Amino acid sequence: MIVVLLGALLMALLVAACATVPLTGRRQLSLIPDSQMNSLSFQQYDQVIDQSRLSQDAQATAMIQRVGSRIQRAVEEYMRQKGLSAVLDGYEWEFHLIESDQVNAWCMPGGKVAFYTGILPICRDETGVAVVMGHEVAHAVAKHGAERMSHGMLAQLGGVALSQAIKDKPQLTQSLYMQAFAIGTQYGAMLPFSRQHESEADHMG
């Protein structure tokens, strides 16, 4: 009975909790409200900034801010023209340059952007920074973070349903089933989604 109920719940979630990615039109799973994602993002971003050493290079910092402001205006204007301004509700844009050899840049939900000084030599110039930042902002606008979390939640529910379905089987059989489920979830669902997200961000950015 529990398995049937869990299965029904999974189906209901799949049917009801779908959204559409702006620009590409792809349907995506969305179990987490934007307001909750933004709240979590803002808290985590503040924590990262507080615990990091911001770059003292005034010229590089100004470039990040300048490129970020241009991308923000471009995104907001494009969304306005397409009638999709609601996608950006709750956004509180920020752009920081962190002093670190790490080759990294990211944008959290809600427009929270961080660049690391280690990636600047690869970007080379302002155009390169714009390309990288546009890609990272596209991930946020497409709500890829929320989609990954939603699929993680769905996988957890699937794991619970499977454990209930095989609970009367020998322990070794249960372990093999659960290992196969974990591998299938990782390589059959999460990795393809990760690749799809990168392609989608390339297209949008």
C-alpha atoms as a PDB file:
ATOM      1  CA  MET A   1       0.000   0.000   0.000  1.00  0.00           C
ATOM      2  CA  ILE A   2       2.825   2.398   0.890  1.00  0.00           C
ATOM      3  CA  VAL A   3       4.518   1.667  -2.434  1.00  0.00           C
ATOM      4  CA  VAL A   4       1.298   2.440  -4.321  1.00  0.00           C
ATOM      5  CA  LEU A   5       0.859   5.716  -2.444  1.00  0.00           C
ATOM      6  CA  LEU A   6       4.464   6.729  -3.070  1.00  0.00           C
ATOM      7  CA  GLY A   7       4.089   5.872  -6.735  1.00  0.00           C
ATOM      8  CA  ALA A   8       0.940   7.972  -6.960  1.00  0.00           C
ATOM      9  CA  LEU A   9       2.722  10.835  -5.212  1.00  0.00           C
ATOM     10  CA  LEU A  10       5.625  10.640  -7.666  1.00  0.00           C
ATOM     11  CA  MET A  11       3.258  10.744 -10.622  1.00  0.00           C
ATOM     12  CA  ALA A  12       1.350  13.684  -9.148  1.00  0.00           C
ATOM     13  CA  LEU A  13       4.587  15.591  -8.616  1.00  0.00           C
ATOM     14  CA  LEU A  14       5.733  14.931 -12.167  1.00  0.00           C
ATOM     15  CA  VAL A  15       2.436  16.135 -13.608  1.00  0.00           C
ATOM     16  CA  ALA A  16       1.907  19.168 -11.377  1.00  0.00           C
ATOM     17  CA  ALA A  17       5.405  20.466 -10.716  1.00  0.00           C
ATOM     18  CA  CYS A  18       6.518  21.372 -14.210  1.00  0.00           C
ATOM     19  CA  ALA A  19       7.751  24.716 -15.476  1.00  0.00           C
ATOM     20  CA  THR A  20       9.058  26.001 -18.799  1.00  0.00           C
ATOM     21  CA  VAL A  21      12.613  27.228 -19.345  1.00  0.00           C
ATOM     22  CA  PRO A  22      12.600  30.794 -20.724  1.00  0.00           C
ATOM     23  CA  LEU A  23      13.892  31.112 -24.319  1.00  0.00           C
ATOM     24  CA  THR A  24      14.273  27.371 -25.008  1.00  0.00           C
ATOM     25  CA  GLY A  25      10.743  26.293 -24.050  1.00  0.00           C
ATOM     26  CA  ARG A  26      11.973  23.050 -22.475  1.00  0.00           C
ATOM     27  CA  ARG A  27       9.741  21.606 -19.762  1.00  0.00           C
ATOM     28  CA  GLN A  28      11.516  21.150 -16.429  1.00  0.00           C
ATOM     29  CA  LEU A  29      10.696  19.739 -13.006  1.00  0.00           C
ATOM     30  CA  SER A  30      10.213  22.452 -10.380  1.00  0.00           C
ATOM     31  CA  LEU A  31       9.367  21.327  -6.849  1.00  0.00           C
ATOM     32  CA  ILE A  32      10.878  24.335  -5.048  1.00  0.00           C
ATOM     33  CA  PRO A  33       9.262  27.809  -5.108  1.00  0.00           C
ATOM     34  CA  ASP A  34      11.418  30.605  -6.510  1.00  0.00           C
ATOM     35  CA  SER A  35      11.059  32.560  -3.271  1.00  0.00           C
ATOM     36  CA  GLN A  36      12.538  29.674  -1.290  1.00  0.00           C
ATOM     37  CA  MET A  37      15.378  29.169  -3.772  1.00  0.00           C
ATOM     38  CA  ASN A  38      16.229  32.871  -3.692  1.00  0.00           C
ATOM     39  CA  SER A  39      16.168  32.966   0.097  1.00  0.00           C
ATOM     40  CA  LEU A  40      18.553  30.004   0.326  1.00  0.00           C
ATOM     41  CA  SER A  41      20.734  31.528  -2.373  1.00  0.00           C
ATOM     42  CA  PHE A  42      20.994  34.919  -0.678  1.00  0.00           C
ATOM     43  CA  GLN A  43      21.986  33.336   2.631  1.00  0.00           C
ATOM     44  CA  GLN A  44      24.623  31.134   1.032  1.00  0.00           C
ATOM     45  CA  TYR A  45      25.982  33.962  -1.109  1.00  0.00           C
ATOM     46  CA  ASP A  46      26.371  36.260   1.889  1.00  0.00           C
ATOM     47  CA  GLN A  47      28.176  33.468   3.720  1.00  0.00           C
ATOM     48  CA  VAL A  48      30.588  32.900   0.818  1.00  0.00           C
ATOM     49  CA  ILE A  49      31.335  36.619   0.484  1.00  0.00           C
ATOM     50  CA  ASP A  50      31.829  37.018   4.244  1.00  0.00           C
ATOM     51  CA  GLN A  51      34.262  34.092   4.344  1.00  0.00           C
ATOM     52  CA  SER A  52      36.189  35.064   1.200  1.00  0.00           C
ATOM     53  CA  ARG A  53      38.818  37.706   0.527  1.00  0.00           C
ATOM     54  CA  LEU A  54      37.548  40.152  -2.048  1.00  0.00           C
ATOM     55  CA  SER A  55      39.984  41.368  -4.667  1.00  0.00           C
ATOM     56  CA  GLN A  56      41.735  44.668  -3.970  1.00  0.00           C
ATOM     57  CA  ASP A  57      42.377  45.171  -7.685  1.00  0.00           C
ATOM     58  CA  ALA A  58      40.166  48.201  -8.289  1.00  0.00           C
ATOM     59  CA  GLN A  59      40.417  47.954 -12.070  1.00  0.00           C
ATOM     60  CA  ALA A  60      39.469  44.265 -12.244  1.00  0.00           C
ATOM     61  CA  THR A  61      36.681  44.719  -9.691  1.00  0.00           C
ATOM     62  CA  ALA A  62      35.279  47.643 -11.679  1.00  0.00           C
ATOM     63  CA  MET A  63      35.337  45.501 -14.830  1.00  0.00           C
ATOM     64  CA  ILE A  64      33.328  42.740 -13.136  1.00  0.00           C
ATOM     65  CA  GLN A  65      30.805  45.292 -11.878  1.00  0.00           C
ATOM     66  CA  ARG A  66      30.616  46.957 -15.288  1.00  0.00           C
ATOM     67  CA  VAL A  67      30.096  43.729 -17.210  1.00  0.00           C
ATOM     68  CA  GLY A  68      27.611  42.525 -14.599  1.00  0.00           C
ATOM     69  CA  SER A  69      25.544  45.696 -14.836  1.00  0.00           C
ATOM     70  CA  ARG A  70      25.425  45.433 -18.625  1.00  0.00           C
ATOM     71  CA  ILE A  71      24.330  41.800 -18.495  1.00  0.00           C
ATOM     72  CA  GLN A  72      21.720  42.618 -15.852  1.00  0.00           C
ATOM     73  CA  ARG A  73      20.235  45.380 -18.013  1.00  0.00           C
ATOM     74  CA  ALA A  74      20.310  43.171 -21.109  1.00  0.00           C
ATOM     75  CA  VAL A  75      18.574  40.283 -19.328  1.00  0.00           C
ATOM     76  CA  GLU A  76      15.927  42.529 -17.785  1.00  0.00           C
ATOM     77  CA  GLU A  77      15.224  44.269 -21.099  1.00  0.00           C
ATOM     78  CA  TYR A  78      15.035  41.004 -23.024  1.00  0.00           C
ATOM     79  CA  MET A  79      12.663  39.492 -20.492  1.00  0.00           C
ATOM     80  CA  ARG A  80      10.515  42.628 -20.570  1.00  0.00           C
ATOM     81  CA  GLN A  81      10.257  42.477 -24.361  1.00  0.00           C
ATOM     82  CA  LYS A  82       9.272  38.805 -24.227  1.00  0.00           C
ATOM     83  CA  GLY A  83       6.714  39.351 -21.470  1.00  0.00           C
ATOM     84  CA  LEU A  84       8.779  37.219 -19.085  1.00  0.00           C
ATOM     85  CA  SER A  85       9.726  39.808 -16.460  1.00  0.00           C
ATOM     86  CA  ALA A  86       8.067  37.672 -13.773  1.00  0.00           C
ATOM     87  CA  VAL A  87      10.915  35.155 -14.186  1.00  0.00           C
ATOM     88  CA  LEU A  88      13.193  37.731 -12.536  1.00  0.00           C
ATOM     89  CA  ASP A  89      10.864  38.524  -9.624  1.00  0.00           C
ATOM     90  CA  GLY A  90      12.868  38.565  -6.404  1.00  0.00           C
ATOM     91  CA  TYR A  91      16.228  39.053  -8.126  1.00  0.00           C
ATOM     92  CA  GLU A  92      18.708  41.151  -6.161  1.00  0.00           C
ATOM     93  CA  TRP A  93      21.732  41.344  -8.442  1.00  0.00           C
ATOM     94  CA  GLU A  94      25.233  41.424  -6.961  1.00  0.00           C
ATOM     95  CA  PHE A  95      28.650  41.057  -8.610  1.00  0.00           C
ATOM     96  CA  HIS A  96      31.812  40.348  -6.609  1.00  0.00           C
ATOM     97  CA  LEU A  97      35.392  39.477  -7.505  1.00  0.00           C
ATOM     98  CA  ILE A  98      36.986  37.027  -5.058  1.00  0.00           C
ATOM     99  CA  GLU A  99      40.765  36.857  -4.632  1.00  0.00           C
ATOM    100  CA  SER A 100      41.574  33.206  -5.298  1.00  0.00           C
ATOM    101  CA  ASP A 101      43.645  31.068  -7.672  1.00  0.00           C
ATOM    102  CA  GLN A 102      40.540  28.971  -8.235  1.00  0.00           C
ATOM    103  CA  VAL A 103      39.450  28.994 -11.882  1.00  0.00           C
ATOM    104  CA  ASN A 104      35.771  29.519 -11.243  1.00  0.00           C
ATOM    105  CA  ALA A 105      32.754  31.754 -11.713  1.00  0.00           C
ATOM    106  CA  TRP A 106      29.112  31.194 -10.863  1.00  0.00           C
ATOM    107  CA  CYS A 107      25.706  32.801 -10.516  1.00  0.00           C
ATOM    108  CA  MET A 108      23.295  31.706  -7.811  1.00  0.00           C
ATOM    109  CA  PRO A 109      19.514  31.969  -8.127  1.00  0.00           C
ATOM    110  CA  GLY A 110      18.403  35.558  -7.710  1.00  0.00           C
ATOM    111  CA  GLY A 111      21.338  37.056  -9.623  1.00  0.00           C
ATOM    112  CA  LYS A 112      24.151  36.552  -7.115  1.00  0.00           C
ATOM    113  CA  VAL A 113      27.363  36.455  -9.174  1.00  0.00           C
ATOM    114  CA  ALA A 114      30.900  35.646  -8.054  1.00  0.00           C
ATOM    115  CA  PHE A 115      34.060  35.670 -10.157  1.00  0.00           C
ATOM    116  CA  TYR A 116      37.431  34.390  -8.959  1.00  0.00           C
ATOM    117  CA  THR A 117      40.644  36.152  -9.945  1.00  0.00           C
ATOM    118  CA  GLY A 118      42.037  32.792 -11.090  1.00  0.00           C
ATOM    119  CA  ILE A 119      39.705  32.767 -14.093  1.00  0.00           C
ATOM    120  CA  LEU A 120      40.608  36.250 -15.328  1.00  0.00           C
ATOM    121  CA  PRO A 121      43.751  35.183 -17.269  1.00  0.00           C
ATOM    122  CA  ILE A 122      41.593  32.668 -19.135  1.00  0.00           C
ATOM    123  CA  CYS A 123      38.959  35.307 -19.898  1.00  0.00           C
ATOM    124  CA  ARG A 124      41.771  37.617 -21.086  1.00  0.00           C
ATOM    125  CA  ASP A 125      39.598  40.711 -21.465  1.00  0.00           C
ATOM    126  CA  GLU A 126      36.184  42.246 -20.858  1.00  0.00           C
ATOM    127  CA  THR A 127      34.637  40.325 -23.742  1.00  0.00           C
ATOM    128  CA  GLY A 128      35.824  37.030 -22.276  1.00  0.00           C
ATOM    129  CA  VAL A 129      34.418  37.977 -18.877  1.00  0.00           C
ATOM    130  CA  ALA A 130      31.078  38.788 -20.531  1.00  0.00           C
ATOM    131  CA  VAL A 131      30.988  35.386 -22.252  1.00  0.00           C
ATOM    132  CA  VAL A 132      31.657  33.494 -19.013  1.00  0.00           C
ATOM    133  CA  MET A 133      29.302  35.631 -16.943  1.00  0.00           C
ATOM    134  CA  GLY A 134      26.540  35.383 -19.548  1.00  0.00           C
ATOM    135  CA  HIS A 135      26.819  31.591 -19.417  1.00  0.00           C
ATOM    136  CA  GLU A 136      26.619  31.527 -15.612  1.00  0.00           C
ATOM    137  CA  VAL A 137      23.695  33.975 -15.497  1.00  0.00           C
ATOM    138  CA  ALA A 138      21.885  31.794 -18.037  1.00  0.00           C
ATOM    139  CA  HIS A 139      22.067  28.877 -15.581  1.00  0.00           C
ATOM    140  CA  ALA A 140      20.301  31.022 -12.976  1.00  0.00           C
ATOM    141  CA  VAL A 141      17.660  32.413 -15.346  1.00  0.00           C
ATOM    142  CA  ALA A 142      16.929  28.887 -16.598  1.00  0.00           C
ATOM    143  CA  LYS A 143      16.565  27.791 -12.951  1.00  0.00           C
ATOM    144  CA  HIS A 144      18.966  24.888 -13.373  1.00  0.00           C
ATOM    145  CA  GLY A 145      19.829  24.874  -9.658  1.00  0.00           C
ATOM    146  CA  ALA A 146      16.197  24.461  -8.656  1.00  0.00           C
ATOM    147  CA  GLU A 147      15.762  21.759 -11.285  1.00  0.00           C
ATOM    148  CA  ARG A 148      18.755  19.783  -9.972  1.00  0.00           C
ATOM    149  CA  MET A 149      17.417  20.035  -6.423  1.00  0.00           C
ATOM    150  CA  SER A 150      13.969  18.940  -7.614  1.00  0.00           C
ATOM    151  CA  HIS A 151      15.381  15.871  -9.333  1.00  0.00           C
ATOM    152  CA  GLY A 152      17.392  15.107  -6.207  1.00  0.00           C
ATOM    153  CA  MET A 153      14.206  15.217  -4.142  1.00  0.00           C
ATOM    154  CA  LEU A 154      12.453  12.991  -6.677  1.00  0.00           C
ATOM    155  CA  ALA A 155      15.339  10.508  -6.571  1.00  0.00           C
ATOM    156  CA  GLN A 156      15.071  10.377  -2.781  1.00  0.00           C
ATOM    157  CA  LEU A 157      11.359   9.596  -3.027  1.00  0.00           C
ATOM    158  CA  GLY A 158      12.144   6.917  -5.602  1.00  0.00           C
ATOM    159  CA  GLY A 159      14.705   5.418  -3.245  1.00  0.00           C
ATOM    160  CA  VAL A 160      12.139   5.294  -0.447  1.00  0.00           C
ATOM    161  CA  ALA A 161       9.614   3.596  -2.745  1.00  0.00           C
ATOM    162  CA  LEU A 162      12.201   1.039  -3.873  1.00  0.00           C
ATOM    163  CA  SER A 163      13.298   0.256  -0.313  1.00  0.00           C
ATOM    164  CA  GLN A 164       9.663  -0.367   0.632  1.00  0.00           C
ATOM    165  CA  ALA A 165       9.113  -2.590  -2.405  1.00  0.00           C
ATOM    166  CA  ILE A 166      12.106  -4.838  -1.633  1.00  0.00           C
ATOM    167  CA  LYS A 167      12.019  -4.758   2.169  1.00  0.00           C
ATOM    168  CA  ASP A 168      11.033  -8.450   2.380  1.00  0.00           C
ATOM    169  CA  LYS A 169      13.911  -9.603   0.178  1.00  0.00           C
ATOM    170  CA  PRO A 170      17.274 -10.836   1.576  1.00  0.00           C
ATOM    171  CA  GLN A 171      19.639  -8.106   2.771  1.00  0.00           C
ATOM    172  CA  LEU A 172      22.174  -8.782   0.006  1.00  0.00           C
ATOM    173  CA  THR A 173      19.474  -8.475  -2.646  1.00  0.00           C
ATOM    174  CA  GLN A 174      18.284  -5.218  -1.096  1.00  0.00           C
ATOM    175  CA  SER A 175      21.819  -3.827  -1.168  1.00  0.00           C
ATOM    176  CA  LEU A 176      22.296  -4.777  -4.819  1.00  0.00           C
ATOM    177  CA  TYR A 177      18.976  -3.197  -5.790  1.00  0.00           C
ATOM    178  CA  MET A 178      19.789   0.042  -3.957  1.00  0.00           C
ATOM    179  CA  GLN A 179      23.296   0.230  -5.460  1.00  0.00           C
ATOM    180  CA  ALA A 180      21.857  -0.280  -8.935  1.00  0.00           C
ATOM    181  CA  PHE A 181      19.267   2.425  -8.255  1.00  0.00           C
ATOM    182  CA  ALA A 182      21.948   4.872  -7.091  1.00  0.00           C
ATOM    183  CA  ILE A 183      24.120   4.215 -10.154  1.00  0.00           C
ATOM    184  CA  GLY A 184      21.134   4.486 -12.474  1.00  0.00           C
ATOM    185  CA  THR A 185      20.071   7.770 -10.908  1.00  0.00           C
ATOM    186  CA  GLN A 186      23.565   9.240 -11.216  1.00  0.00           C
ATOM    187  CA  TYR A 187      24.402   8.131 -14.743  1.00  0.00           C
ATOM    188  CA  GLY A 188      20.934   7.768 -16.210  1.00  0.00           C
ATOM    189  CA  ALA A 189      19.376  10.983 -14.923  1.00  0.00           C
ATOM    190  CA  MET A 190      21.653  13.469 -13.166  1.00  0.00           C
ATOM    191  CA  LEU A 191      24.630  13.452 -15.579  1.00  0.00           C
ATOM    192  CA  PRO A 192      22.499  13.815 -18.728  1.00  0.00           C
ATOM    193  CA  PHE A 193      20.677  16.715 -17.051  1.00  0.00           C
ATOM    194  CA  SER A 194      24.014  18.311 -16.197  1.00  0.00           C
ATOM    195  CA  ARG A 195      25.120  18.105 -19.837  1.00  0.00           C
ATOM    196  CA  GLN A 196      21.746  19.416 -20.969  1.00  0.00           C
ATOM    197  CA  HIS A 197      22.043  22.349 -18.579  1.00  0.00           C
ATOM    198  CA  GLU A 198      25.454  23.272 -19.984  1.00  0.00           C
ATOM    199  CA  SER A 199      24.166  23.165 -23.559  1.00  0.00           C
ATOM    200  CA  GLU A 200      21.123  25.199 -22.597  1.00  0.00           C
ATOM    201  CA  ALA A 201      23.232  27.818 -20.808  1.00  0.00           C
ATOM    202  CA  ASP A 202      25.494  28.045 -23.875  1.00  0.00           C
ATOM    203  CA  HIS A 203      22.431  28.658 -26.045  1.00  0.00           C
ATOM    204  CA  MET A 204      20.914  31.245 -23.713  1.00  0.00           C
ATOM    205  CA  GLY A 205      24.161  32.971 -22.699  1.00  0.00           C
END
